[in-house]
Amino acid sequence: MLLIEYITQKFYEYAGYPKYIKGSHIYRGGCNICKEGSSWQKKARLNYIPSKGIIHCHNCNKTWSPVSWIMESSGLTYAQVMEEASSYDFQSFEITDNSKPQRPESETLPVDSINLFDMQQVHYFIKNRVVMDAIDLIKQRKLDTAINRPNALYISLKDFIHKNRLVIPYCDFKGKIVWYQSRAIYKKDEIDRPKYLSKLNSEKSVYGLDKVNEQLDHLFIFEGPIDSMFVQNGIAMGGISMSDTQEQQMKRYRLYNKIWILDNELKENLDVRKQATKLLESGEKIFIWPKKFQGIKDINELCIKVHKDSIRPEFFIDNSYEGSEGLAKIVEIIR
C-alpha cells in the first residue's frame, strides 16, 4: 500500500498543470498518458481520488491503481516503485499558477534550467523566442510523444556553456539525474561548436536507465539519446566506447540480449563501418538496416517520416547480426 503523500507528489510530478480541488478532496490535472489532444491545458480530466484509491482519466476513459499509473508514467517497475516509496523524502510543497517556476540545482543541470515538459514553466516563458524554438524542435522531432521519452527536457537561458541549447538529462535506474548533454537548437550553434556538448568535468553515464523495463529481455543500444527514445528499452552510450561509470551501470543488465543500433550510413561513412566492425569483432550484436530504408539516416528520421512514436523491438531483433555473419553483411552492403 502506497502512502497518499507519495502518490500525491508523483501526481504533481507527472500530471499536467495539477491542482487540489478543495471541495471534492481530489487532485486534478491533464492526463500525461493520452495528452488529451487539443484539450491540453484547456481542460483537466485526470483525477486522483484518494478516498477510492484510483486515478481516472475522463478523456481516454482509463482507470489505474496509483501503483500502475506511476509505473506507466515513470517507466519504473513495480519493485522500483515500491523501493522508491519506502525511502521517499516527503517535503511540503505548493504549486500556484502565479508563482515563478522552481529551478533544479545547478550541480544537477545547467544553471537556471527550464523544464520544457512543465506547462507552468513554459507558460511563464511563453514570450521568450528561444524557449518557443526549443518547444518547436521537440515537437518537430516527436520528442514529446516518443514511447521512451524522458520525464523532462530542459533549456537554460543563462548557462555559460549550455545556454540556448536543448538539455537532455541522463538518469540512473532510480530516476535521479546524474549527467546531461545539450544539443544545438540553431544551425549557427552547430557550426560554431559541436552539435552535442556534455557536462564539464564529469564521466559520461548511460542514457535511459530509468526507462528500462526489466520484464523485457532485450536492450537496444544507440550512440545518441534521441534515437533511443523511439523503442522500448532503448538506451544510449554517447559513442561505442564505455566509461568506467557506464561499465559499472551495465553490469546490472549483463543477462540481457543487447543489440547496437548505429546510423544508416554503413556504405557512405567510413567511421560508421569502423564502429560496426569493431563491435562485431568484440562479440557484440548489431542491427543492420534493410536496403529498403536507404536514404533514412537514423531512427528519429524514420519515425518522423512514417509519423510513428515508436518502432517495434522486432524490427531490430529480426535484422540483427553478430560475428562472421555480420561482417559478411557489411561487405555485401559496401560492394
C-alpha atoms as a PDB file:
ATOM      1  CA  MET A   1       0.000   0.000   0.000  1.00  0.00           C
ATOM      2  CA  LEU A   2       1.432   3.358  -1.045  1.00  0.00           C
ATOM      3  CA  LEU A   3       1.154   6.364   1.213  1.00  0.00           C
ATOM      4  CA  ILE A   4      -1.160   9.120  -0.052  1.00  0.00           C
ATOM      5  CA  GLU A   5       1.688  11.643   0.375  1.00  0.00           C
ATOM      6  CA  TYR A   6       3.852   9.688  -2.059  1.00  0.00           C
ATOM      7  CA  ILE A   7       1.061   9.305  -4.631  1.00  0.00           C
ATOM      8  CA  THR A   8       0.223  12.995  -4.357  1.00  0.00           C
ATOM      9  CA  GLN A   9       3.786  14.063  -5.021  1.00  0.00           C
ATOM     10  CA  LYS A  10       4.019  11.728  -8.028  1.00  0.00           C
ATOM     11  CA  PHE A  11       0.743  13.180  -9.322  1.00  0.00           C
ATOM     12  CA  TYR A  12       2.230  16.676  -9.102  1.00  0.00           C
ATOM     13  CA  GLU A  13       5.350  15.374 -10.836  1.00  0.00           C
ATOM     14  CA  TYR A  14       3.722  13.681 -13.842  1.00  0.00           C
ATOM     15  CA  ALA A  15       0.206  15.087 -14.353  1.00  0.00           C
ATOM     16  CA  GLY A  16      -0.152  18.256 -16.392  1.00  0.00           C
ATOM     17  CA  TYR A  17      -0.882  21.536 -14.531  1.00  0.00           C
ATOM     18  CA  PRO A  18      -2.010  19.708 -11.347  1.00  0.00           C
ATOM     19  CA  LYS A  19      -4.048  21.269  -8.558  1.00  0.00           C
ATOM     20  CA  TYR A  20      -6.054  20.271  -5.496  1.00  0.00           C
ATOM     21  CA  ILE A  21      -9.849  20.632  -5.663  1.00  0.00           C
ATOM     22  CA  LYS A  22     -10.719  21.538  -2.077  1.00  0.00           C
ATOM     23  CA  GLY A  23     -14.467  20.928  -2.082  1.00  0.00           C
ATOM     24  CA  SER A  24     -14.297  17.457  -3.609  1.00  0.00           C
ATOM     25  CA  HIS A  25     -10.994  16.439  -1.995  1.00  0.00           C
ATOM     26  CA  ILE A  26      -9.471  15.228  -5.249  1.00  0.00           C
ATOM     27  CA  TYR A  27      -6.404  16.135  -7.300  1.00  0.00           C
ATOM     28  CA  ARG A  28      -6.935  17.104 -10.917  1.00  0.00           C
ATOM     29  CA  GLY A  29      -4.659  17.700 -13.890  1.00  0.00           C
ATOM     30  CA  GLY A  30      -4.064  16.993 -17.564  1.00  0.00           C
ATOM     31  CA  CYS A  31      -3.648  13.334 -18.485  1.00  0.00           C
ATOM     32  CA  ASN A  32       0.044  12.715 -19.147  1.00  0.00           C
ATOM     33  CA  ILE A  33      -0.780   9.365 -20.780  1.00  0.00           C
ATOM     34  CA  CYS A  34      -3.190  10.397 -23.558  1.00  0.00           C
ATOM     35  CA  LYS A  35      -2.168  14.105 -23.525  1.00  0.00           C
ATOM     36  CA  GLU A  36      -5.875  14.968 -24.037  1.00  0.00           C
ATOM     37  CA  GLY A  37      -5.279  16.102 -27.623  1.00  0.00           C
ATOM     38  CA  SER A  38      -6.374  19.662 -28.411  1.00  0.00           C
ATOM     39  CA  SER A  39      -7.779  19.979 -24.885  1.00  0.00           C
ATOM     40  CA  TRP A  40      -4.297  20.009 -23.343  1.00  0.00           C
ATOM     41  CA  GLN A  41      -4.056  22.910 -20.886  1.00  0.00           C
ATOM     42  CA  LYS A  42      -7.675  23.851 -21.660  1.00  0.00           C
ATOM     43  CA  LYS A  43      -9.330  21.086 -19.647  1.00  0.00           C
ATOM     44  CA  ALA A  44      -8.141  18.920 -16.773  1.00  0.00           C
ATOM     45  CA  ARG A  45      -9.662  15.461 -16.977  1.00  0.00           C
ATOM     46  CA  LEU A  46      -7.245  13.308 -14.990  1.00  0.00           C
ATOM     47  CA  ASN A  47      -8.384  12.818 -11.387  1.00  0.00           C
ATOM     48  CA  TYR A  48      -6.643  11.251  -8.420  1.00  0.00           C
ATOM     49  CA  ILE A  49      -9.328  10.284  -5.892  1.00  0.00           C
ATOM     50  CA  PRO A  50      -7.625   9.355  -2.586  1.00  0.00           C
ATOM     51  CA  SER A  51     -10.835   8.096  -0.966  1.00  0.00           C
ATOM     52  CA  LYS A  52     -11.263   5.482  -3.702  1.00  0.00           C
ATOM     53  CA  GLY A  53      -7.579   4.840  -4.289  1.00  0.00           C
ATOM     54  CA  ILE A  54      -7.843   5.315  -8.054  1.00  0.00           C
ATOM     55  CA  ILE A  55      -6.612   7.613 -10.825  1.00  0.00           C
ATOM     56  CA  HIS A  56      -9.055   8.083 -13.705  1.00  0.00           C
ATOM     57  CA  CYS A  57      -8.936   9.984 -16.998  1.00  0.00           C
ATOM     58  CA  HIS A  58     -12.264  11.139 -18.436  1.00  0.00           C
ATOM     59  CA  ASN A  59     -10.645  11.643 -21.854  1.00  0.00           C
ATOM     60  CA  CYS A  60      -9.137   8.209 -22.531  1.00  0.00           C
ATOM     61  CA  ASN A  61     -11.575   6.626 -20.020  1.00  0.00           C
ATOM     62  CA  LYS A  62      -8.813   4.655 -18.308  1.00  0.00           C
ATOM     63  CA  THR A  63      -8.670   3.853 -14.619  1.00  0.00           C
ATOM     64  CA  TRP A  64      -5.441   2.990 -12.842  1.00  0.00           C
ATOM     65  CA  SER A  65      -4.438   1.992  -9.377  1.00  0.00           C
ATOM     66  CA  PRO A  66      -1.904   4.547  -8.116  1.00  0.00           C
ATOM     67  CA  VAL A  67       0.886   1.968  -8.496  1.00  0.00           C
ATOM     68  CA  SER A  68       0.024   1.126 -12.108  1.00  0.00           C
ATOM     69  CA  TRP A  69      -0.322   4.820 -13.046  1.00  0.00           C
ATOM     70  CA  ILE A  70       3.054   5.682 -11.513  1.00  0.00           C
ATOM     71  CA  MET A  71       4.625   2.690 -13.314  1.00  0.00           C
ATOM     72  CA  GLU A  72       3.193   3.796 -16.675  1.00  0.00           C
ATOM     73  CA  SER A  73       4.091   7.444 -16.102  1.00  0.00           C
ATOM     74  CA  SER A  74       7.646   6.830 -14.916  1.00  0.00           C
ATOM     75  CA  GLY A  75       8.654   3.632 -16.687  1.00  0.00           C
ATOM     76  CA  LEU A  76       9.616   2.118 -13.330  1.00  0.00           C
ATOM     77  CA  THR A  77       8.863  -1.493 -12.463  1.00  0.00           C
ATOM     78  CA  TYR A  78       6.592  -2.450  -9.581  1.00  0.00           C
ATOM     79  CA  ALA A  79       9.613  -3.306  -7.443  1.00  0.00           C
ATOM     80  CA  GLN A  80      11.278   0.024  -8.236  1.00  0.00           C
ATOM     81  CA  VAL A  81       8.141   1.995  -7.331  1.00  0.00           C
ATOM     82  CA  MET A  82       7.817   0.193  -4.009  1.00  0.00           C
ATOM     83  CA  GLU A  83      11.520   0.687  -3.287  1.00  0.00           C
ATOM     84  CA  GLU A  84      11.304   4.399  -4.063  1.00  0.00           C
ATOM     85  CA  ALA A  85       8.137   4.813  -1.993  1.00  0.00           C
ATOM     86  CA  SER A  86       9.690   3.114   1.016  1.00  0.00           C
ATOM     87  CA  SER A  87      12.518   5.640   1.162  1.00  0.00           C
ATOM     88  CA  TYR A  88      10.820   8.690  -0.316  1.00  0.00           C
ATOM     89  CA  ASP A  89      11.791  12.064   1.145  1.00  0.00           C
ATOM     90  CA  PHE A  90       8.447  13.756   1.759  1.00  0.00           C
ATOM     91  CA  GLN A  91       8.537  17.522   1.644  1.00  0.00           C
ATOM     92  CA  SER A  92       5.694  20.000   1.951  1.00  0.00           C
ATOM     93  CA  PHE A  93       5.190  21.999  -1.212  1.00  0.00           C
ATOM     94  CA  GLU A  94       2.579  24.042  -3.031  1.00  0.00           C
ATOM     95  CA  ILE A  95       2.119  24.792  -6.709  1.00  0.00           C
ATOM     96  CA  THR A  96       0.352  28.023  -7.581  1.00  0.00           C
ATOM     97  CA  ASP A  97      -0.471  29.391 -11.003  1.00  0.00           C
ATOM     98  CA  ASN A  98       1.212  32.732 -10.327  1.00  0.00           C
ATOM     99  CA  SER A  99       4.463  31.574  -8.737  1.00  0.00           C
ATOM    100  CA  LYS A 100       7.738  31.740 -10.631  1.00  0.00           C
ATOM    101  CA  PRO A 101       8.806  28.204 -11.628  1.00  0.00           C
ATOM    102  CA  GLN A 102      11.315  26.489  -9.384  1.00  0.00           C
ATOM    103  CA  ARG A 103      14.718  25.670 -10.864  1.00  0.00           C
ATOM    104  CA  PRO A 104      16.789  22.497 -10.431  1.00  0.00           C
ATOM    105  CA  GLU A 105      20.102  22.823  -8.632  1.00  0.00           C
ATOM    106  CA  SER A 106      22.945  23.898 -10.919  1.00  0.00           C
ATOM    107  CA  GLU A 107      25.018  20.841  -9.944  1.00  0.00           C
ATOM    108  CA  THR A 108      22.328  18.582 -11.411  1.00  0.00           C
ATOM    109  CA  LEU A 109      21.572  20.561 -14.577  1.00  0.00           C
ATOM    110  CA  PRO A 110      22.871  23.704 -16.301  1.00  0.00           C
ATOM    111  CA  VAL A 111      22.255  26.976 -14.484  1.00  0.00           C
ATOM    112  CA  ASP A 112      18.600  28.056 -14.230  1.00  0.00           C
ATOM    113  CA  SER A 113      17.272  25.183 -16.352  1.00  0.00           C
ATOM    114  CA  ILE A 114      13.644  25.331 -17.503  1.00  0.00           C
ATOM    115  CA  ASN A 115      11.626  22.106 -17.748  1.00  0.00           C
ATOM    116  CA  LEU A 116      10.131  22.142 -21.246  1.00  0.00           C
ATOM    117  CA  PHE A 117       7.641  19.404 -20.330  1.00  0.00           C
ATOM    118  CA  ASP A 118       6.252  21.512 -17.487  1.00  0.00           C
ATOM    119  CA  MET A 119       3.447  23.668 -18.889  1.00  0.00           C
ATOM    120  CA  GLN A 120       3.577  26.010 -15.901  1.00  0.00           C
ATOM    121  CA  GLN A 121       7.222  26.828 -16.578  1.00  0.00           C
ATOM    122  CA  VAL A 122       6.740  27.054 -20.348  1.00  0.00           C
ATOM    123  CA  HIS A 123       3.800  29.416 -19.888  1.00  0.00           C
ATOM    124  CA  TYR A 124       5.981  31.677 -17.735  1.00  0.00           C
ATOM    125  CA  PHE A 125       8.440  31.993 -20.661  1.00  0.00           C
ATOM    126  CA  ILE A 126       5.855  31.941 -23.457  1.00  0.00           C
ATOM    127  CA  LYS A 127       7.158  35.197 -24.952  1.00  0.00           C
ATOM    128  CA  ASN A 128      10.770  34.019 -24.995  1.00  0.00           C
ATOM    129  CA  ARG A 129      11.796  33.148 -28.547  1.00  0.00           C
ATOM    130  CA  VAL A 130      14.485  30.627 -27.548  1.00  0.00           C
ATOM    131  CA  VAL A 131      12.118  28.667 -25.312  1.00  0.00           C
ATOM    132  CA  MET A 132       9.482  28.577 -28.053  1.00  0.00           C
ATOM    133  CA  ASP A 133      12.073  27.476 -30.624  1.00  0.00           C
ATOM    134  CA  ALA A 134      13.093  24.655 -28.283  1.00  0.00           C
ATOM    135  CA  ILE A 135       9.447  23.605 -27.970  1.00  0.00           C
ATOM    136  CA  ASP A 136       9.134  23.641 -31.779  1.00  0.00           C
ATOM    137  CA  LEU A 137      12.205  21.417 -32.112  1.00  0.00           C
ATOM    138  CA  ILE A 138      10.783  18.964 -29.576  1.00  0.00           C
ATOM    139  CA  LYS A 139       7.502  18.744 -31.488  1.00  0.00           C
ATOM    140  CA  GLN A 140       9.179  18.507 -34.907  1.00  0.00           C
ATOM    141  CA  ARG A 141      11.352  15.669 -33.641  1.00  0.00           C
ATOM    142  CA  LYS A 142       8.403  13.993 -31.839  1.00  0.00           C
ATOM    143  CA  LEU A 143      10.363  14.024 -28.587  1.00  0.00           C
ATOM    144  CA  ASP A 144       7.238  14.867 -26.591  1.00  0.00           C
ATOM    145  CA  THR A 145       5.354  11.795 -27.824  1.00  0.00           C
ATOM    146  CA  ALA A 146       8.135   9.204 -28.271  1.00  0.00           C
ATOM    147  CA  ILE A 147       7.398   5.944 -26.445  1.00  0.00           C
ATOM    148  CA  ASN A 148      10.666   6.052 -24.489  1.00  0.00           C
ATOM    149  CA  ARG A 149      10.798   9.815 -23.970  1.00  0.00           C
ATOM    150  CA  PRO A 150      12.428  11.203 -20.817  1.00  0.00           C
ATOM    151  CA  ASN A 151      10.384  12.675 -17.986  1.00  0.00           C
ATOM    152  CA  ALA A 152      11.738  16.113 -18.861  1.00  0.00           C
ATOM    153  CA  LEU A 153      13.815  18.048 -21.364  1.00  0.00           C
ATOM    154  CA  TYR A 154      15.368  21.357 -20.370  1.00  0.00           C
ATOM    155  CA  ILE A 155      16.796  24.587 -21.669  1.00  0.00           C
ATOM    156  CA  SER A 156      18.979  27.167 -19.962  1.00  0.00           C
ATOM    157  CA  LEU A 157      18.976  30.830 -20.916  1.00  0.00           C
ATOM    158  CA  LYS A 158      21.969  31.693 -18.736  1.00  0.00           C
ATOM    159  CA  ASP A 159      24.475  28.831 -18.522  1.00  0.00           C
ATOM    160  CA  PHE A 160      27.898  29.847 -19.867  1.00  0.00           C
ATOM    161  CA  ILE A 161      28.403  26.625 -21.859  1.00  0.00           C
ATOM    162  CA  HIS A 162      24.926  25.192 -22.461  1.00  0.00           C
ATOM    163  CA  LYS A 163      22.964  28.408 -22.967  1.00  0.00           C
ATOM    164  CA  ASN A 164      20.141  28.228 -25.551  1.00  0.00           C
ATOM    165  CA  ARG A 165      20.611  24.505 -26.166  1.00  0.00           C
ATOM    166  CA  LEU A 166      18.250  21.569 -25.594  1.00  0.00           C
ATOM    167  CA  VAL A 167      19.420  19.822 -22.412  1.00  0.00           C
ATOM    168  CA  ILE A 168      18.900  16.054 -22.219  1.00  0.00           C
ATOM    169  CA  PRO A 169      19.144  14.601 -18.689  1.00  0.00           C
ATOM    170  CA  TYR A 170      20.734  11.201 -18.049  1.00  0.00           C
ATOM    171  CA  CYS A 171      19.168   9.394 -15.077  1.00  0.00           C
ATOM    172  CA  ASP A 172      20.207   6.358 -13.087  1.00  0.00           C
ATOM    173  CA  PHE A 173      17.817   3.427 -12.752  1.00  0.00           C
ATOM    174  CA  LYS A 174      16.053   5.166  -9.852  1.00  0.00           C
ATOM    175  CA  GLY A 175      15.320   8.260 -11.949  1.00  0.00           C
ATOM    176  CA  LYS A 176      17.926  10.553 -10.372  1.00  0.00           C
ATOM    177  CA  ILE A 177      19.692  12.861 -12.838  1.00  0.00           C
ATOM    178  CA  VAL A 178      23.388  12.002 -12.818  1.00  0.00           C
ATOM    179  CA  TRP A 179      24.655  13.544 -16.066  1.00  0.00           C
ATOM    180  CA  TYR A 180      23.473  15.555 -19.061  1.00  0.00           C
ATOM    181  CA  GLN A 181      24.210  16.569 -22.623  1.00  0.00           C
ATOM    182  CA  SER A 182      22.995  19.594 -24.539  1.00  0.00           C
ATOM    183  CA  ARG A 183      22.097  19.660 -28.218  1.00  0.00           C
ATOM    184  CA  ALA A 184      22.274  22.643 -30.526  1.00  0.00           C
ATOM    185  CA  ILE A 185      18.916  24.148 -31.469  1.00  0.00           C
ATOM    186  CA  TYR A 186      20.190  26.590 -34.078  1.00  0.00           C
ATOM    187  CA  LYS A 187      22.270  25.787 -37.173  1.00  0.00           C
ATOM    188  CA  LYS A 188      24.713  28.582 -36.308  1.00  0.00           C
ATOM    189  CA  ASP A 189      25.452  26.887 -32.994  1.00  0.00           C
ATOM    190  CA  GLU A 190      26.202  23.621 -34.837  1.00  0.00           C
ATOM    191  CA  ILE A 191      28.774  25.472 -36.971  1.00  0.00           C
ATOM    192  CA  ASP A 192      30.432  27.296 -34.098  1.00  0.00           C
ATOM    193  CA  ARG A 193      30.521  24.317 -31.710  1.00  0.00           C
ATOM    194  CA  PRO A 194      29.806  20.556 -31.679  1.00  0.00           C
ATOM    195  CA  LYS A 195      26.145  19.566 -32.047  1.00  0.00           C
ATOM    196  CA  TYR A 196      26.350  17.846 -28.641  1.00  0.00           C
ATOM    197  CA  LEU A 197      28.115  19.184 -25.555  1.00  0.00           C
ATOM    198  CA  SER A 198      28.496  17.265 -22.298  1.00  0.00           C
ATOM    199  CA  LYS A 199      28.569  18.202 -18.638  1.00  0.00           C
ATOM    200  CA  LEU A 200      32.014  19.526 -17.746  1.00  0.00           C
ATOM    201  CA  ASN A 201      34.477  17.652 -15.546  1.00  0.00           C
ATOM    202  CA  SER A 202      32.374  14.521 -15.376  1.00  0.00           C
ATOM    203  CA  GLU A 203      32.334  10.972 -16.663  1.00  0.00           C
ATOM    204  CA  LYS A 204      29.588  10.060 -19.096  1.00  0.00           C
ATOM    205  CA  SER A 205      26.662   7.941 -17.994  1.00  0.00           C
ATOM    206  CA  VAL A 206      24.236   5.644 -19.813  1.00  0.00           C
ATOM    207  CA  TYR A 207      21.093   7.373 -21.055  1.00  0.00           C
ATOM    208  CA  GLY A 208      17.688   5.774 -20.419  1.00  0.00           C
ATOM    209  CA  LEU A 209      18.381   3.511 -17.439  1.00  0.00           C
ATOM    210  CA  ASP A 210      15.319   4.879 -15.641  1.00  0.00           C
ATOM    211  CA  LYS A 211      13.109   3.655 -18.508  1.00  0.00           C
ATOM    212  CA  VAL A 212      14.374   0.072 -18.751  1.00  0.00           C
ATOM    213  CA  ASN A 213      11.554  -2.449 -18.403  1.00  0.00           C
ATOM    214  CA  GLU A 214      13.066  -5.397 -16.583  1.00  0.00           C
ATOM    215  CA  GLN A 215      10.305  -7.689 -17.859  1.00  0.00           C
ATOM    216  CA  LEU A 216      11.739  -7.413 -21.380  1.00  0.00           C
ATOM    217  CA  ASP A 217      14.875  -9.366 -22.256  1.00  0.00           C
ATOM    218  CA  HIS A 218      16.428  -7.033 -24.847  1.00  0.00           C
ATOM    219  CA  LEU A 219      18.363  -3.782 -24.591  1.00  0.00           C
ATOM    220  CA  PHE A 220      18.735  -1.632 -27.707  1.00  0.00           C
ATOM    221  CA  ILE A 221      21.910   0.416 -27.516  1.00  0.00           C
ATOM    222  CA  PHE A 222      22.232   3.646 -29.501  1.00  0.00           C
ATOM    223  CA  GLU A 223      25.025   6.174 -29.740  1.00  0.00           C
ATOM    224  CA  GLY A 224      22.784   9.187 -29.123  1.00  0.00           C
ATOM    225  CA  PRO A 225      19.843   9.591 -26.742  1.00  0.00           C
ATOM    226  CA  ILE A 226      17.286  10.976 -29.218  1.00  0.00           C
ATOM    227  CA  ASP A 227      17.160   7.811 -31.354  1.00  0.00           C
ATOM    228  CA  SER A 228      16.855   5.680 -28.215  1.00  0.00           C
ATOM    229  CA  MET A 229      13.617   7.465 -27.282  1.00  0.00           C
ATOM    230  CA  PHE A 230      11.693   5.612 -30.001  1.00  0.00           C
ATOM    231  CA  VAL A 231      11.941   2.000 -28.814  1.00  0.00           C
ATOM    232  CA  GLN A 232      11.188   0.353 -25.501  1.00  0.00           C
ATOM    233  CA  ASN A 233      14.387  -0.430 -23.601  1.00  0.00           C
ATOM    234  CA  GLY A 234      16.351   1.951 -25.774  1.00  0.00           C
ATOM    235  CA  ILE A 235      19.485   3.287 -24.078  1.00  0.00           C
ATOM    236  CA  ALA A 236      22.372   5.425 -25.351  1.00  0.00           C
ATOM    237  CA  MET A 237      26.126   5.444 -24.771  1.00  0.00           C
ATOM    238  CA  GLY A 238      27.286   8.628 -26.471  1.00  0.00           C
ATOM    239  CA  GLY A 239      29.652   6.579 -28.657  1.00  0.00           C
ATOM    240  CA  ILE A 240      30.638   2.910 -28.686  1.00  0.00           C
ATOM    241  CA  SER A 241      33.395   3.102 -26.075  1.00  0.00           C
ATOM    242  CA  MET A 242      32.237   2.943 -22.456  1.00  0.00           C
ATOM    243  CA  SER A 243      33.441   4.946 -19.477  1.00  0.00           C
ATOM    244  CA  ASP A 244      34.144   3.239 -16.150  1.00  0.00           C
ATOM    245  CA  THR A 245      30.810   4.572 -14.881  1.00  0.00           C
ATOM    246  CA  GLN A 246      28.962   3.120 -17.857  1.00  0.00           C
ATOM    247  CA  GLU A 247      30.643  -0.262 -17.440  1.00  0.00           C
ATOM    248  CA  GLN A 248      29.520  -0.358 -13.810  1.00  0.00           C
ATOM    249  CA  GLN A 249      25.980   0.650 -14.764  1.00  0.00           C
ATOM    250  CA  MET A 250      25.757  -2.008 -17.465  1.00  0.00           C
ATOM    251  CA  LYS A 251      26.688  -4.817 -15.066  1.00  0.00           C
ATOM    252  CA  ARG A 252      23.096  -4.624 -13.835  1.00  0.00           C
ATOM    253  CA  TYR A 253      21.959  -5.727 -17.315  1.00  0.00           C
ATOM    254  CA  ARG A 254      24.547  -8.400 -18.094  1.00  0.00           C
ATOM    255  CA  LEU A 255      21.879 -11.070 -18.734  1.00  0.00           C
ATOM    256  CA  TYR A 256      20.004  -9.009 -21.337  1.00  0.00           C
ATOM    257  CA  ASN A 257      20.256  -9.600 -25.068  1.00  0.00           C
ATOM    258  CA  LYS A 258      21.949  -6.462 -26.371  1.00  0.00           C
ATOM    259  CA  ILE A 259      21.720  -5.036 -29.884  1.00  0.00           C
ATOM    260  CA  TRP A 260      23.665  -1.976 -31.040  1.00  0.00           C
ATOM    261  CA  ILE A 261      21.926   0.377 -33.493  1.00  0.00           C
ATOM    262  CA  LEU A 262      24.162   2.735 -35.498  1.00  0.00           C
ATOM    263  CA  ASP A 263      23.194   5.343 -38.078  1.00  0.00           C
ATOM    264  CA  ASN A 264      22.181   4.055 -41.512  1.00  0.00           C
ATOM    265  CA  GLU A 265      25.474   5.047 -43.141  1.00  0.00           C
ATOM    266  CA  LEU A 266      27.477   1.825 -43.460  1.00  0.00           C
ATOM    267  CA  LYS A 267      28.075   2.385 -47.177  1.00  0.00           C
ATOM    268  CA  GLU A 268      28.729   6.130 -47.127  1.00  0.00           C
ATOM    269  CA  ASN A 269      30.547   6.664 -43.837  1.00  0.00           C
ATOM    270  CA  LEU A 270      33.887   5.007 -43.094  1.00  0.00           C
ATOM    271  CA  ASP A 271      33.635   5.868 -39.381  1.00  0.00           C
ATOM    272  CA  VAL A 272      30.297   4.035 -39.084  1.00  0.00           C
ATOM    273  CA  ARG A 273      31.801   0.974 -40.834  1.00  0.00           C
ATOM    274  CA  LYS A 274      34.745   1.008 -38.449  1.00  0.00           C
ATOM    275  CA  GLN A 275      32.390   1.250 -35.469  1.00  0.00           C
ATOM    276  CA  ALA A 276      30.239  -1.620 -36.725  1.00  0.00           C
ATOM    277  CA  THR A 277      33.267  -3.786 -37.443  1.00  0.00           C
ATOM    278  CA  LYS A 278      34.780  -3.076 -34.033  1.00  0.00           C
ATOM    279  CA  LEU A 279      31.548  -4.052 -32.298  1.00  0.00           C
ATOM    280  CA  LEU A 280      31.243  -7.298 -34.253  1.00  0.00           C
ATOM    281  CA  GLU A 281      34.886  -8.233 -33.644  1.00  0.00           C
ATOM    282  CA  SER A 282      34.399  -7.694 -29.901  1.00  0.00           C
ATOM    283  CA  GLY A 283      31.490 -10.138 -29.816  1.00  0.00           C
ATOM    284  CA  GLU A 284      28.601  -7.655 -29.915  1.00  0.00           C
ATOM    285  CA  LYS A 285      25.434  -7.950 -31.995  1.00  0.00           C
ATOM    286  CA  ILE A 286      24.489  -5.082 -34.314  1.00  0.00           C
ATOM    287  CA  PHE A 287      21.397  -4.000 -36.219  1.00  0.00           C
ATOM    288  CA  ILE A 288      21.907  -3.648 -39.966  1.00  0.00           C
ATOM    289  CA  TRP A 289      19.395  -1.521 -41.810  1.00  0.00           C
ATOM    290  CA  PRO A 290      17.379  -3.308 -44.537  1.00  0.00           C
ATOM    291  CA  LYS A 291      18.078  -1.963 -48.030  1.00  0.00           C
ATOM    292  CA  LYS A 292      14.578  -0.561 -48.450  1.00  0.00           C
ATOM    293  CA  PHE A 293      15.404   2.115 -45.865  1.00  0.00           C
ATOM    294  CA  GLN A 294      18.257   3.545 -47.915  1.00  0.00           C
ATOM    295  CA  GLY A 295      18.251   7.329 -47.559  1.00  0.00           C
ATOM    296  CA  ILE A 296      16.934   7.291 -43.974  1.00  0.00           C
ATOM    297  CA  LYS A 297      19.766   8.430 -41.704  1.00  0.00           C
ATOM    298  CA  ASP A 298      18.599   7.292 -38.279  1.00  0.00           C
ATOM    299  CA  ILE A 299      15.657   6.087 -36.191  1.00  0.00           C
ATOM    300  CA  ASN A 300      14.409   9.578 -35.342  1.00  0.00           C
ATOM    301  CA  GLU A 301      14.304  10.484 -39.039  1.00  0.00           C
ATOM    302  CA  LEU A 302      12.442   7.235 -39.778  1.00  0.00           C
ATOM    303  CA  CYS A 303       9.806   7.937 -37.114  1.00  0.00           C
ATOM    304  CA  ILE A 304       9.278  11.483 -38.391  1.00  0.00           C
ATOM    305  CA  LYS A 305       8.913  10.224 -41.969  1.00  0.00           C
ATOM    306  CA  VAL A 306       6.378   7.484 -41.143  1.00  0.00           C
ATOM    307  CA  HIS A 307       4.603   9.507 -38.410  1.00  0.00           C
ATOM    308  CA  LYS A 308       5.305   6.979 -35.661  1.00  0.00           C
ATOM    309  CA  ASP A 309       6.131   7.471 -31.983  1.00  0.00           C
ATOM    310  CA  SER A 310       7.795   4.072 -31.682  1.00  0.00           C
ATOM    311  CA  ILE A 311       9.489   1.273 -33.555  1.00  0.00           C
ATOM    312  CA  ARG A 312       8.638  -2.318 -32.644  1.00  0.00           C
ATOM    313  CA  PRO A 313      11.508  -4.217 -30.988  1.00  0.00           C
ATOM    314  CA  GLU A 314      11.059  -6.992 -33.549  1.00  0.00           C
ATOM    315  CA  PHE A 315      12.302  -4.643 -36.285  1.00  0.00           C
ATOM    316  CA  PHE A 316      15.716  -4.559 -34.632  1.00  0.00           C
ATOM    317  CA  ILE A 317      15.737  -8.164 -33.445  1.00  0.00           C
ATOM    318  CA  ASP A 318      14.894  -9.574 -36.897  1.00  0.00           C
ATOM    319  CA  ASN A 319      17.638  -7.523 -38.582  1.00  0.00           C
ATOM    320  CA  SER A 320      20.484  -8.048 -36.136  1.00  0.00           C
ATOM    321  CA  TYR A 321      23.706  -9.951 -36.797  1.00  0.00           C
ATOM    322  CA  GLU A 322      26.845 -10.971 -34.969  1.00  0.00           C
ATOM    323  CA  GLY A 323      30.280 -12.408 -35.696  1.00  0.00           C
ATOM    324  CA  SER A 324      31.245 -13.502 -39.201  1.00  0.00           C
ATOM    325  CA  GLU A 325      27.651 -13.237 -40.438  1.00  0.00           C
ATOM    326  CA  GLY A 326      27.575  -9.564 -39.511  1.00  0.00           C
ATOM    327  CA  LEU A 327      30.977  -8.896 -41.120  1.00  0.00           C
ATOM    328  CA  ALA A 328      29.821 -10.602 -44.314  1.00  0.00           C
ATOM    329  CA  LYS A 329      26.694  -8.454 -44.299  1.00  0.00           C
ATOM    330  CA  ILE A 330      28.825  -5.289 -44.160  1.00  0.00           C
ATOM    331  CA  VAL A 331      30.899  -6.467 -47.120  1.00  0.00           C
ATOM    332  CA  GLU A 332      27.699  -7.167 -49.043  1.00  0.00           C
ATOM    333  CA  ILE A 333      26.417  -3.631 -48.367  1.00  0.00           C
ATOM    334  CA  ILE A 334      29.556  -1.750 -49.450  1.00  0.00           C
ATOM    335  CA  ARG A 335      30.026  -3.650 -52.710  1.00  0.00           C
END
